[in-house]
């Protein structure tokens, strides 16, 4: 049964991410089929890497200044 699953460390190496990032994806439910056994996660071998939802456009820079200008 466990031959069909990878650990967080193995998945992190496969996807070129940090183990903490993979752990966070598991706890957020972003990896389909990931199962928690006690304190460890089991990730299916065929699980696909979730899309990175972080902003990379820079639109968030100086967001406080933009809000102030709108309210003035």
N, C-alpha and C. Protein backbone atom coordinates (compact mmCIF):
# COMPACT_ATOMS: atom_id res chain seq x y z
N UNK A 1 0.81 -1.20 0.00
CA UNK A 1 0.00 0.00 0.00
C UNK A 1 0.86 1.26 0.00
N UNK A 2 1.86 1.32 0.83
CA UNK A 2 2.68 2.53 0.94
C UNK A 2 3.62 2.70 -0.26
N UNK A 3 3.69 1.71 -1.14
CA UNK A 3 4.54 1.84 -2.32
C UNK A 3 3.96 2.85 -3.30
N UNK A 4 2.69 3.16 -3.17
CA UNK A 4 2.03 4.10 -4.07
C UNK A 4 2.10 5.54 -3.57
N UNK A 5 2.81 5.78 -2.48
CA UNK A 5 2.88 7.10 -1.87
C UNK A 5 4.31 7.57 -1.68
N UNK A 6 4.48 8.89 -1.63
CA UNK A 6 5.78 9.50 -1.35
C UNK A 6 5.67 10.29 -0.04
N UNK A 7 6.82 10.54 0.58
CA UNK A 7 6.87 11.38 1.76
C UNK A 7 6.93 12.84 1.32
N UNK A 8 6.82 13.74 2.27
CA UNK A 8 6.94 15.16 1.96
C UNK A 8 8.32 15.46 1.39
N UNK A 9 9.34 14.88 1.99
CA UNK A 9 10.71 15.13 1.53
C UNK A 9 10.91 14.65 0.09
N UNK A 10 10.41 13.47 -0.22
CA UNK A 10 10.55 12.93 -1.58
C UNK A 10 9.78 13.79 -2.59
N UNK A 11 8.59 14.22 -2.20
CA UNK A 11 7.78 15.07 -3.08
C UNK A 11 8.45 16.42 -3.29
N UNK A 12 9.02 16.98 -2.23
CA UNK A 12 9.70 18.27 -2.34
C UNK A 12 10.88 18.19 -3.33
N UNK A 13 11.63 17.11 -3.27
CA UNK A 13 12.74 16.93 -4.20
C UNK A 13 12.22 16.77 -5.63
N UNK A 14 11.15 16.02 -5.80
CA UNK A 14 10.58 15.77 -7.11
C UNK A 14 10.07 17.07 -7.75
N UNK A 15 9.41 17.92 -6.95
CA UNK A 15 8.81 19.16 -7.45
C UNK A 15 9.74 20.36 -7.32
N UNK A 16 10.92 20.18 -6.77
CA UNK A 16 11.90 21.24 -6.55
C UNK A 16 11.33 22.36 -5.68
N UNK A 17 10.75 21.96 -4.55
CA UNK A 17 10.20 22.87 -3.55
C UNK A 17 10.82 22.54 -2.20
N UNK A 18 10.56 23.38 -1.20
CA UNK A 18 11.01 23.06 0.14
C UNK A 18 10.00 22.10 0.78
N UNK A 19 10.46 21.27 1.70
CA UNK A 19 9.53 20.38 2.40
C UNK A 19 8.42 21.15 3.13
N UNK A 20 8.73 22.30 3.67
CA UNK A 20 7.73 23.10 4.38
C UNK A 20 6.63 23.56 3.43
N UNK A 21 7.00 23.93 2.21
CA UNK A 21 6.00 24.38 1.22
C UNK A 21 5.05 23.23 0.86
N UNK A 22 5.61 22.02 0.68
CA UNK A 22 4.78 20.85 0.37
C UNK A 22 3.87 20.53 1.55
N UNK A 23 4.41 20.63 2.76
CA UNK A 23 3.60 20.38 3.96
C UNK A 23 2.43 21.36 4.05
N UNK A 24 2.67 22.62 3.74
CA UNK A 24 1.62 23.63 3.77
C UNK A 24 0.56 23.34 2.71
N UNK A 25 1.01 22.91 1.51
CA UNK A 25 0.06 22.56 0.46
C UNK A 25 -0.83 21.40 0.90
N UNK A 26 -0.25 20.43 1.58
CA UNK A 26 -1.03 19.29 2.08
C UNK A 26 -2.07 19.75 3.10
N UNK A 27 -1.64 20.56 4.05
CA UNK A 27 -2.57 20.99 5.11
C UNK A 27 -3.66 21.91 4.56
N UNK A 28 -3.37 22.62 3.46
CA UNK A 28 -4.38 23.48 2.84
C UNK A 28 -5.30 22.71 1.90
N UNK A 29 -5.01 21.42 1.69
CA UNK A 29 -5.84 20.60 0.82
C UNK A 29 -5.60 20.83 -0.66
N UNK A 30 -4.43 21.32 -1.01
CA UNK A 30 -4.14 21.64 -2.41
C UNK A 30 -3.56 20.47 -3.18
N UNK A 31 -3.18 19.39 -2.48
CA UNK A 31 -2.65 18.20 -3.15
C UNK A 31 -3.71 17.11 -3.05
N UNK A 32 -4.25 16.76 -4.20
CA UNK A 32 -5.33 15.78 -4.24
C UNK A 32 -4.81 14.39 -3.85
N UNK A 33 -5.50 13.75 -2.92
CA UNK A 33 -5.15 12.40 -2.51
C UNK A 33 -4.16 12.32 -1.37
N UNK A 34 -3.66 13.46 -0.90
CA UNK A 34 -2.72 13.45 0.23
C UNK A 34 -3.46 13.04 1.50
N UNK A 35 -2.83 12.14 2.27
CA UNK A 35 -3.45 11.60 3.48
C UNK A 35 -2.49 11.78 4.64
N UNK A 36 -3.03 12.17 5.79
CA UNK A 36 -2.20 12.36 6.98
C UNK A 36 -2.28 11.13 7.87
N UNK A 37 -1.11 10.60 8.23
CA UNK A 37 -1.00 9.47 9.15
C UNK A 37 -0.27 9.96 10.39
N UNK A 38 -1.01 10.27 11.44
CA UNK A 38 -0.38 10.83 12.63
C UNK A 38 0.13 12.23 12.32
N UNK A 39 1.45 12.40 12.33
CA UNK A 39 2.02 13.71 12.02
C UNK A 39 2.66 13.75 10.63
N UNK A 40 2.64 12.63 9.92
CA UNK A 40 3.27 12.54 8.60
C UNK A 40 2.22 12.52 7.49
N UNK A 41 2.62 13.01 6.33
CA UNK A 41 1.75 13.02 5.16
C UNK A 41 2.20 11.97 4.17
N UNK A 42 1.24 11.35 3.50
CA UNK A 42 1.51 10.41 2.41
C UNK A 42 0.89 11.02 1.15
N UNK A 43 1.73 11.24 0.15
CA UNK A 43 1.30 11.90 -1.09
C UNK A 43 1.36 10.89 -2.22
N UNK A 44 0.27 10.74 -2.97
CA UNK A 44 0.27 9.77 -4.07
C UNK A 44 1.39 10.05 -5.08
N UNK A 45 1.98 8.99 -5.60
CA UNK A 45 3.07 9.14 -6.57
C UNK A 45 2.62 9.92 -7.80
N UNK A 46 1.39 9.71 -8.22
CA UNK A 46 0.90 10.36 -9.43
C UNK A 46 0.25 11.73 -9.18
N UNK A 47 0.38 12.28 -7.97
CA UNK A 47 -0.20 13.60 -7.67
C UNK A 47 0.50 14.66 -8.50
N UNK A 48 -0.31 15.60 -8.99
CA UNK A 48 0.25 16.69 -9.79
C UNK A 48 0.60 17.87 -8.90
N UNK A 49 1.65 18.56 -9.28
CA UNK A 49 2.09 19.74 -8.54
C UNK A 49 1.05 20.84 -8.71
N UNK A 50 0.52 21.39 -7.59
CA UNK A 50 -0.47 22.47 -7.70
C UNK A 50 0.15 23.73 -8.30
N UNK A 51 -0.68 24.51 -8.93
CA UNK A 51 -0.24 25.78 -9.50
C UNK A 51 0.18 26.71 -8.36
N UNK A 52 1.24 27.45 -8.57
CA UNK A 52 1.72 28.40 -7.58
C UNK A 52 0.81 29.62 -7.59
N UNK A 53 0.07 29.83 -6.53
CA UNK A 53 -0.90 30.91 -6.47
C UNK A 53 -0.35 32.23 -5.97
N UNK A 54 0.95 32.29 -5.71
CA UNK A 54 1.51 33.54 -5.21
C UNK A 54 1.59 34.57 -6.34
N UNK A 55 1.47 35.83 -5.98
CA UNK A 55 1.53 36.91 -6.97
C UNK A 55 2.98 37.13 -7.41
N UNK A 56 3.16 37.31 -8.69
CA UNK A 56 4.50 37.60 -9.20
C UNK A 56 4.50 38.85 -10.07
N UNK A 57 3.37 39.54 -10.15
CA UNK A 57 3.25 40.70 -11.01
C UNK A 57 3.74 41.98 -10.36
N UNK A 58 3.81 42.01 -9.05
CA UNK A 58 4.19 43.22 -8.35
C UNK A 58 3.02 44.15 -8.10
N UNK A 59 1.81 43.73 -8.40
CA UNK A 59 0.63 44.56 -8.20
C UNK A 59 0.39 44.87 -6.72
N UNK A 60 0.90 44.06 -5.85
CA UNK A 60 0.69 44.24 -4.42
C UNK A 60 1.62 45.28 -3.82
N UNK A 61 2.65 45.72 -4.56
CA UNK A 61 3.60 46.70 -4.02
C UNK A 61 2.89 48.02 -3.79
N UNK A 62 3.20 48.65 -2.68
CA UNK A 62 2.66 49.96 -2.31
C UNK A 62 1.13 49.98 -2.27
N UNK A 63 0.51 48.89 -1.89
CA UNK A 63 -0.95 48.82 -1.87
C UNK A 63 -1.55 49.78 -0.86
N UNK A 64 -0.85 50.08 0.21
CA UNK A 64 -1.38 51.02 1.21
C UNK A 64 -1.46 52.43 0.63
N UNK A 65 -0.45 52.81 -0.15
CA UNK A 65 -0.45 54.14 -0.76
C UNK A 65 -1.60 54.27 -1.75
N UNK A 66 -1.89 53.21 -2.48
CA UNK A 66 -2.98 53.24 -3.45
C UNK A 66 -4.33 53.42 -2.75
N UNK A 67 -4.50 52.78 -1.61
CA UNK A 67 -5.75 52.90 -0.85
C UNK A 67 -5.90 54.33 -0.32
N UNK A 68 -4.80 54.91 0.18
CA UNK A 68 -4.85 56.28 0.71
C UNK A 68 -5.25 57.28 -0.38
N UNK A 69 -4.69 57.10 -1.57
CA UNK A 69 -5.00 58.02 -2.66
C UNK A 69 -6.48 57.95 -3.05
N UNK A 70 -7.06 56.76 -2.99
CA UNK A 70 -8.46 56.60 -3.34
C UNK A 70 -9.38 57.26 -2.32
N UNK A 71 -8.99 57.24 -1.05
CA UNK A 71 -9.84 57.79 0.01
C UNK A 71 -9.66 59.28 0.18
N UNK A 72 -8.63 59.86 -0.39
CA UNK A 72 -8.40 61.31 -0.24
C UNK A 72 -9.23 62.12 -1.18
